[in-house]
């Protein structure tokens, strides 16, 4: 197996590991859904990403739990987080979404 293939396999394995937790899967689904409806954020304008508070309200989980799960999703390459003032916004990583889609084709 070529190095590129093993790196892709490792990236996919990490993504699947992160998504194997029900709370992380729900958070990721909320982010993807939000990004599909509103597009990727342009930080020069009003951010379109999901705010951390959205997860706490929609999924009924606390701030420390949200932070932990979001960190896991970032480390898996599934999302990125941008800070605007005191708020943090999450955006789905389109490259990883494409890798996941290709895997299931």
Protein backbone atom coordinates (compact mmCIF):
# COMPACT_ATOMS: atom_id res chain seq x y z
CA UNK A 1 0.00 0.00 0.00
CA UNK A 2 1.36 3.43 -0.92
CA UNK A 3 2.10 5.99 1.77
CA UNK A 4 -0.71 8.25 0.51
CA UNK A 5 -3.21 5.39 0.83
CA UNK A 6 -2.10 4.56 4.38
CA UNK A 7 -2.31 8.21 5.38
CA UNK A 8 -5.84 8.38 3.96
CA UNK A 9 -6.74 5.14 5.76
CA UNK A 10 -5.36 6.55 9.01
CA UNK A 11 -7.30 9.79 8.54
CA UNK A 12 -10.52 7.90 7.84
CA UNK A 13 -9.98 5.61 10.82
CA UNK A 14 -9.53 8.64 13.08
CA UNK A 15 -12.67 10.25 11.65
CA UNK A 16 -14.70 7.08 12.16
CA UNK A 17 -13.36 6.74 15.70
CA UNK A 18 -14.44 10.29 16.50
CA UNK A 19 -17.86 9.73 14.96
CA UNK A 20 -18.40 6.48 16.89
CA UNK A 21 -19.49 8.54 19.91
CA UNK A 22 -23.21 9.41 19.72
CA UNK A 23 -22.76 12.98 21.04
CA UNK A 24 -19.92 13.71 18.60
CA UNK A 25 -21.92 12.24 15.75
CA UNK A 26 -24.89 14.47 16.63
CA UNK A 27 -22.64 17.55 16.92
CA UNK A 28 -21.08 16.76 13.54
CA UNK A 29 -24.52 16.28 11.99
CA UNK A 30 -25.63 19.68 13.32
CA UNK A 31 -22.51 21.35 11.88
CA UNK A 32 -22.86 19.68 8.48
CA UNK A 33 -26.56 20.51 8.31
CA UNK A 34 -25.88 24.13 9.27
CA UNK A 35 -23.07 24.50 6.73
CA UNK A 36 -25.26 23.05 3.96
CA UNK A 37 -28.02 25.55 4.71
CA UNK A 38 -25.82 28.60 5.27
CA UNK A 39 -22.60 27.89 3.41
CA UNK A 40 -19.09 28.22 4.72
CA UNK A 41 -18.36 31.23 6.89
CA UNK A 42 -16.79 34.39 5.57
CA UNK A 43 -15.37 35.93 8.71
CA UNK A 44 -15.35 39.37 7.11
CA UNK A 45 -19.13 39.08 7.33
CA UNK A 46 -21.41 37.57 9.94
CA UNK A 47 -20.10 34.07 10.73
CA UNK A 48 -22.27 31.27 9.39
CA UNK A 49 -20.79 28.47 11.50
CA UNK A 50 -22.54 26.80 14.39
CA UNK A 51 -21.80 28.41 17.73
CA UNK A 52 -21.01 26.23 20.74
CA UNK A 53 -24.19 27.47 22.42
CA UNK A 54 -26.21 25.95 19.58
CA UNK A 55 -25.00 22.47 20.53
CA UNK A 56 -25.73 22.93 24.21
CA UNK A 57 -29.30 24.02 23.48
CA UNK A 58 -30.11 21.61 20.64
CA UNK A 59 -28.50 18.53 22.16
CA UNK A 60 -28.98 19.27 25.86
CA UNK A 61 -25.32 18.76 26.80
CA UNK A 62 -23.11 20.98 28.95
CA UNK A 63 -20.25 23.27 27.94
CA UNK A 64 -17.38 21.05 29.17
CA UNK A 65 -18.82 18.07 27.30
CA UNK A 66 -19.30 20.13 24.13
CA UNK A 67 -15.72 21.41 24.34
CA UNK A 68 -14.37 17.88 24.74
CA UNK A 69 -16.35 16.52 21.80
CA UNK A 70 -15.55 19.48 19.55
CA UNK A 71 -11.84 19.05 20.33
CA UNK A 72 -12.09 15.37 19.30
CA UNK A 73 -13.79 16.34 16.02
CA UNK A 74 -11.09 18.93 15.31
CA UNK A 75 -8.30 16.44 16.02
CA UNK A 76 -9.96 13.97 13.64
CA UNK A 77 -9.96 16.62 10.90
CA UNK A 78 -13.73 16.66 10.61
CA UNK A 79 -14.28 20.29 11.60
CA UNK A 80 -12.41 23.51 12.23
CA UNK A 81 -13.13 26.08 14.91
CA UNK A 82 -12.77 29.82 14.49
CA UNK A 83 -12.93 32.34 17.28
CA UNK A 84 -14.74 35.61 16.66
CA UNK A 85 -14.65 37.85 19.68
CA UNK A 86 -15.75 35.72 22.61
CA UNK A 87 -17.67 33.20 20.51
CA UNK A 88 -16.36 30.08 18.81
CA UNK A 89 -17.85 28.82 15.56
CA UNK A 90 -17.53 25.35 14.04
CA UNK A 91 -17.33 24.61 10.32
CA UNK A 92 -17.33 21.24 8.57
CA UNK A 93 -14.09 20.53 6.72
CA UNK A 94 -15.07 20.08 3.06
CA UNK A 95 -11.96 18.02 2.22
CA UNK A 96 -12.78 15.46 4.91
CA UNK A 97 -16.44 15.40 3.85
CA UNK A 98 -15.23 14.53 0.34
CA UNK A 99 -12.95 11.75 1.67
CA UNK A 100 -15.85 10.26 3.65
CA UNK A 101 -18.16 10.47 0.61
CA UNK A 102 -15.55 8.77 -1.61
CA UNK A 103 -15.11 6.01 0.96
CA UNK A 104 -18.81 5.13 0.79
CA UNK A 105 -19.02 5.23 -3.04
